[in-house]
């Protein structure tokens, strides 16, 4: 099954890739690696803002991490000239959660993005990962995830 067919089966319509909001680019390709800048828990409805463990619960935060994953896929598709079939492997995800001081389930939040990569790419979506709790994220969003992807 093609990646586009898999996305359709999952009910995912990729958005236009987000533009940079500061002095950086959304992605950089070097050799066979694409480094994708952090994508926020943002969508057409305004996304998910807030502090996980305070005004955002675990399941909602996980959905926010999945939003980050959808935004990563949009950037990866742009980096691959519109062809996600060029993805060889998702190498690494870096996840950041705007977390309350006593919230420790940060890896469970980032599973929302990790699970999506495996759903879309199968074994090629399995990756190394970091999951970090932070005091604040840009623009008040609850979750941010960046990626390194091998392409052909």
C-alpha atoms as a PDB file:
ATOM      1  CA  UNK A   1       0.000   0.000   0.000  1.00  0.00           C
ATOM      2  CA  UNK A   2       1.322   3.457  -0.881  1.00  0.00           C
ATOM      3  CA  UNK A   3       1.940   5.997   1.869  1.00  0.00           C
ATOM      4  CA  UNK A   4      -0.722   8.298   0.393  1.00  0.00           C
ATOM      5  CA  UNK A   5      -3.225   5.410   0.429  1.00  0.00           C
ATOM      6  CA  UNK A   6      -2.247   4.640   4.025  1.00  0.00           C
ATOM      7  CA  UNK A   7      -2.815   8.282   5.026  1.00  0.00           C
ATOM      8  CA  UNK A   8      -6.236   8.203   3.347  1.00  0.00           C
ATOM      9  CA  UNK A   9      -7.074   4.968   5.186  1.00  0.00           C
ATOM     10  CA  UNK A  10      -6.125   6.678   8.462  1.00  0.00           C
ATOM     11  CA  UNK A  11      -8.302   9.684   7.557  1.00  0.00           C
ATOM     12  CA  UNK A  12      -5.319  12.042   7.449  1.00  0.00           C
ATOM     13  CA  UNK A  13      -5.317  14.966   5.038  1.00  0.00           C
ATOM     14  CA  UNK A  14      -1.929  16.648   5.276  1.00  0.00           C
ATOM     15  CA  UNK A  15      -2.016  20.424   5.747  1.00  0.00           C
ATOM     16  CA  UNK A  16       0.121  22.914   3.878  1.00  0.00           C
ATOM     17  CA  UNK A  17       3.551  22.812   5.529  1.00  0.00           C
ATOM     18  CA  UNK A  18       3.870  25.531   8.172  1.00  0.00           C
ATOM     19  CA  UNK A  19       6.117  28.472   7.411  1.00  0.00           C
ATOM     20  CA  UNK A  20       8.929  29.390   9.786  1.00  0.00           C
ATOM     21  CA  UNK A  21       7.929  31.922  12.450  1.00  0.00           C
ATOM     22  CA  UNK A  22      11.483  33.087  13.215  1.00  0.00           C
ATOM     23  CA  UNK A  23      15.007  32.950  11.746  1.00  0.00           C
ATOM     24  CA  UNK A  24      15.139  29.300  10.614  1.00  0.00           C
ATOM     25  CA  UNK A  25      13.885  27.083   7.802  1.00  0.00           C
ATOM     26  CA  UNK A  26      11.239  24.361   8.176  1.00  0.00           C
ATOM     27  CA  UNK A  27      13.618  21.620   7.032  1.00  0.00           C
ATOM     28  CA  UNK A  28      17.154  21.064   5.783  1.00  0.00           C
ATOM     29  CA  UNK A  29      18.257  18.221   3.556  1.00  0.00           C
ATOM     30  CA  UNK A  30      21.897  17.178   3.809  1.00  0.00           C
ATOM     31  CA  UNK A  31      23.012  14.039   2.043  1.00  0.00           C
ATOM     32  CA  UNK A  32      20.261  11.485   2.549  1.00  0.00           C
ATOM     33  CA  UNK A  33      18.961  13.011   5.782  1.00  0.00           C
ATOM     34  CA  UNK A  34      16.172  15.526   6.237  1.00  0.00           C
ATOM     35  CA  UNK A  35      16.210  17.455   9.517  1.00  0.00           C
ATOM     36  CA  UNK A  36      12.740  18.836  10.197  1.00  0.00           C
ATOM     37  CA  UNK A  37      12.390  21.796  12.551  1.00  0.00           C
ATOM     38  CA  UNK A  38      10.073  21.403  15.524  1.00  0.00           C
ATOM     39  CA  UNK A  39       6.410  21.200  14.588  1.00  0.00           C
ATOM     40  CA  UNK A  40       3.850  22.415  17.099  1.00  0.00           C
ATOM     41  CA  UNK A  41       0.551  20.896  18.224  1.00  0.00           C
ATOM     42  CA  UNK A  42      -1.199  23.152  15.759  1.00  0.00           C
ATOM     43  CA  UNK A  43      -3.978  22.523  13.242  1.00  0.00           C
ATOM     44  CA  UNK A  44      -6.661  24.436  11.364  1.00  0.00           C
ATOM     45  CA  UNK A  45      -8.751  24.745  14.541  1.00  0.00           C
ATOM     46  CA  UNK A  46      -5.948  26.545  16.374  1.00  0.00           C
ATOM     47  CA  UNK A  47      -4.357  23.467  17.877  1.00  0.00           C
ATOM     48  CA  UNK A  48      -3.556  22.587  21.436  1.00  0.00           C
ATOM     49  CA  UNK A  49      -2.126  25.151  23.813  1.00  0.00           C
ATOM     50  CA  UNK A  50      -1.623  24.897  27.543  1.00  0.00           C
ATOM     51  CA  UNK A  51       0.336  23.038  30.179  1.00  0.00           C
ATOM     52  CA  UNK A  52       0.128  19.268  30.302  1.00  0.00           C
ATOM     53  CA  UNK A  53      -0.734  18.041  33.777  1.00  0.00           C
ATOM     54  CA  UNK A  54      -2.323  21.371  34.614  1.00  0.00           C
ATOM     55  CA  UNK A  55      -4.965  22.466  32.084  1.00  0.00           C
ATOM     56  CA  UNK A  56      -4.283  19.720  29.471  1.00  0.00           C
ATOM     57  CA  UNK A  57      -4.793  16.024  30.304  1.00  0.00           C
ATOM     58  CA  UNK A  58      -2.649  13.116  29.085  1.00  0.00           C
ATOM     59  CA  UNK A  59      -4.986  11.872  26.331  1.00  0.00           C
ATOM     60  CA  UNK A  60      -5.492  15.370  24.934  1.00  0.00           C
ATOM     61  CA  UNK A  61      -1.722  15.947  24.992  1.00  0.00           C
ATOM     62  CA  UNK A  62      -1.189  12.651  23.158  1.00  0.00           C
ATOM     63  CA  UNK A  63      -3.590  13.881  20.458  1.00  0.00           C
ATOM     64  CA  UNK A  64      -1.526  17.081  20.356  1.00  0.00           C
ATOM     65  CA  UNK A  65       1.633  15.048  19.743  1.00  0.00           C
ATOM     66  CA  UNK A  66      -0.198  13.308  16.903  1.00  0.00           C
ATOM     67  CA  UNK A  67      -0.943  16.781  15.453  1.00  0.00           C
ATOM     68  CA  UNK A  68       2.796  17.442  15.584  1.00  0.00           C
ATOM     69  CA  UNK A  69       3.312  14.201  13.665  1.00  0.00           C
ATOM     70  CA  UNK A  70       0.850  15.222  10.956  1.00  0.00           C
ATOM     71  CA  UNK A  71       2.702  18.525  10.626  1.00  0.00           C
ATOM     72  CA  UNK A  72       6.024  16.658  10.441  1.00  0.00           C
ATOM     73  CA  UNK A  73       4.620  14.496   7.639  1.00  0.00           C
ATOM     74  CA  UNK A  74       3.617  17.622   5.714  1.00  0.00           C
ATOM     75  CA  UNK A  75       7.166  18.989   6.015  1.00  0.00           C
ATOM     76  CA  UNK A  76       8.723  15.637   5.085  1.00  0.00           C
ATOM     77  CA  UNK A  77       6.482  15.429   2.025  1.00  0.00           C
ATOM     78  CA  UNK A  78       7.630  18.920   0.981  1.00  0.00           C
ATOM     79  CA  UNK A  79      11.270  17.914   1.471  1.00  0.00           C
ATOM     80  CA  UNK A  80      10.642  14.847  -0.725  1.00  0.00           C
ATOM     81  CA  UNK A  81       9.110  16.869  -3.577  1.00  0.00           C
ATOM     82  CA  UNK A  82       5.659  15.541  -2.728  1.00  0.00           C
ATOM     83  CA  UNK A  83       6.635  11.850  -2.555  1.00  0.00           C
ATOM     84  CA  UNK A  84       6.547  10.271   0.913  1.00  0.00           C
ATOM     85  CA  UNK A  85       7.536   6.979  -0.765  1.00  0.00           C
ATOM     86  CA  UNK A  86      11.083   8.391  -0.728  1.00  0.00           C
ATOM     87  CA  UNK A  87      11.242   7.932   3.059  1.00  0.00           C
ATOM     88  CA  UNK A  88      13.694   5.154   3.905  1.00  0.00           C
ATOM     89  CA  UNK A  89      13.358   5.458   7.668  1.00  0.00           C
ATOM     90  CA  UNK A  90      12.271   7.783  10.424  1.00  0.00           C
ATOM     91  CA  UNK A  91      15.606   7.992  12.262  1.00  0.00           C
ATOM     92  CA  UNK A  92      14.826  10.082  15.325  1.00  0.00           C
ATOM     93  CA  UNK A  93      12.103  12.183  16.928  1.00  0.00           C
ATOM     94  CA  UNK A  94      12.748  14.839  19.546  1.00  0.00           C
ATOM     95  CA  UNK A  95       9.669  15.530  21.646  1.00  0.00           C
ATOM     96  CA  UNK A  96       9.013  18.473  23.945  1.00  0.00           C
ATOM     97  CA  UNK A  97       6.055  18.811  26.286  1.00  0.00           C
ATOM     98  CA  UNK A  98       5.069  22.010  28.080  1.00  0.00           C
ATOM     99  CA  UNK A  99       4.628  20.224  31.395  1.00  0.00           C
ATOM    100  CA  UNK A 100       3.458  21.068  34.887  1.00  0.00           C
ATOM    101  CA  UNK A 101       6.135  20.645  37.542  1.00  0.00           C
ATOM    102  CA  UNK A 102       4.756  17.328  38.782  1.00  0.00           C
ATOM    103  CA  UNK A 103       3.832  15.832  35.373  1.00  0.00           C
ATOM    104  CA  UNK A 104       6.105  12.862  34.569  1.00  0.00           C
ATOM    105  CA  UNK A 105       4.295  10.980  31.774  1.00  0.00           C
ATOM    106  CA  UNK A 106       6.154  12.896  29.076  1.00  0.00           C
ATOM    107  CA  UNK A 107       7.104   9.747  27.092  1.00  0.00           C
ATOM    108  CA  UNK A 108       3.430   8.737  26.972  1.00  0.00           C
ATOM    109  CA  UNK A 109       2.549  12.101  25.430  1.00  0.00           C
ATOM    110  CA  UNK A 110       5.186  11.773  22.700  1.00  0.00           C
ATOM    111  CA  UNK A 111       3.863   8.279  21.918  1.00  0.00           C
ATOM    112  CA  UNK A 112       1.092  10.139  20.071  1.00  0.00           C
ATOM    113  CA  UNK A 113       3.641  11.135  17.423  1.00  0.00           C
ATOM    114  CA  UNK A 114       5.687   7.925  17.576  1.00  0.00           C
ATOM    115  CA  UNK A 115       2.593   5.773  17.114  1.00  0.00           C
ATOM    116  CA  UNK A 116       1.594   7.812  14.059  1.00  0.00           C
ATOM    117  CA  UNK A 117       4.986   7.294  12.400  1.00  0.00           C
ATOM    118  CA  UNK A 118       4.641   3.531  12.826  1.00  0.00           C
ATOM    119  CA  UNK A 119       1.020   3.587  11.615  1.00  0.00           C
ATOM    120  CA  UNK A 120       2.063   5.445   8.466  1.00  0.00           C
ATOM    121  CA  UNK A 121       5.443   3.886   7.654  1.00  0.00           C
ATOM    122  CA  UNK A 122       5.322   0.489   9.390  1.00  0.00           C
ATOM    123  CA  UNK A 123       8.762  -0.713  10.528  1.00  0.00           C
ATOM    124  CA  UNK A 124      10.377   2.206   8.635  1.00  0.00           C
ATOM    125  CA  UNK A 125       8.606   4.457  11.141  1.00  0.00           C
ATOM    126  CA  UNK A 126      10.328   2.934  14.207  1.00  0.00           C
ATOM    127  CA  UNK A 127      12.856   5.422  15.495  1.00  0.00           C
ATOM    128  CA  UNK A 128      15.180   6.580  18.242  1.00  0.00           C
ATOM    129  CA  UNK A 129      13.637   9.298  20.387  1.00  0.00           C
ATOM    130  CA  UNK A 130      13.972  11.799  23.164  1.00  0.00           C
ATOM    131  CA  UNK A 131      11.058  13.092  25.243  1.00  0.00           C
ATOM    132  CA  UNK A 132      11.629  16.165  27.376  1.00  0.00           C
ATOM    133  CA  UNK A 133       9.426  18.206  29.680  1.00  0.00           C
ATOM    134  CA  UNK A 134       9.935  21.963  29.404  1.00  0.00           C
ATOM    135  CA  UNK A 135       8.668  25.058  31.150  1.00  0.00           C
ATOM    136  CA  UNK A 136       7.388  26.805  27.996  1.00  0.00           C
ATOM    137  CA  UNK A 137       7.073  26.143  24.266  1.00  0.00           C
ATOM    138  CA  UNK A 138       6.728  28.702  21.456  1.00  0.00           C
ATOM    139  CA  UNK A 139       3.417  30.551  21.312  1.00  0.00           C
ATOM    140  CA  UNK A 140       2.096  28.580  24.300  1.00  0.00           C
ATOM    141  CA  UNK A 141       1.580  25.301  22.411  1.00  0.00           C
ATOM    142  CA  UNK A 142       1.475  22.149  24.534  1.00  0.00           C
ATOM    143  CA  UNK A 143       3.690  19.880  22.393  1.00  0.00           C
ATOM    144  CA  UNK A 144       6.503  20.233  19.849  1.00  0.00           C
ATOM    145  CA  UNK A 145       8.296  17.463  17.944  1.00  0.00           C
ATOM    146  CA  UNK A 146      11.224  17.607  15.513  1.00  0.00           C
ATOM    147  CA  UNK A 147      12.538  14.810  13.311  1.00  0.00           C
ATOM    148  CA  UNK A 148      15.447  13.355  11.397  1.00  0.00           C
ATOM    149  CA  UNK A 149      14.389  11.235   8.419  1.00  0.00           C
ATOM    150  CA  UNK A 150      16.464   9.239   5.939  1.00  0.00           C
ATOM    151  CA  UNK A 151      15.291   9.633   2.338  1.00  0.00           C
ATOM    152  CA  UNK A 152      16.339   8.418  -1.069  1.00  0.00           C
END
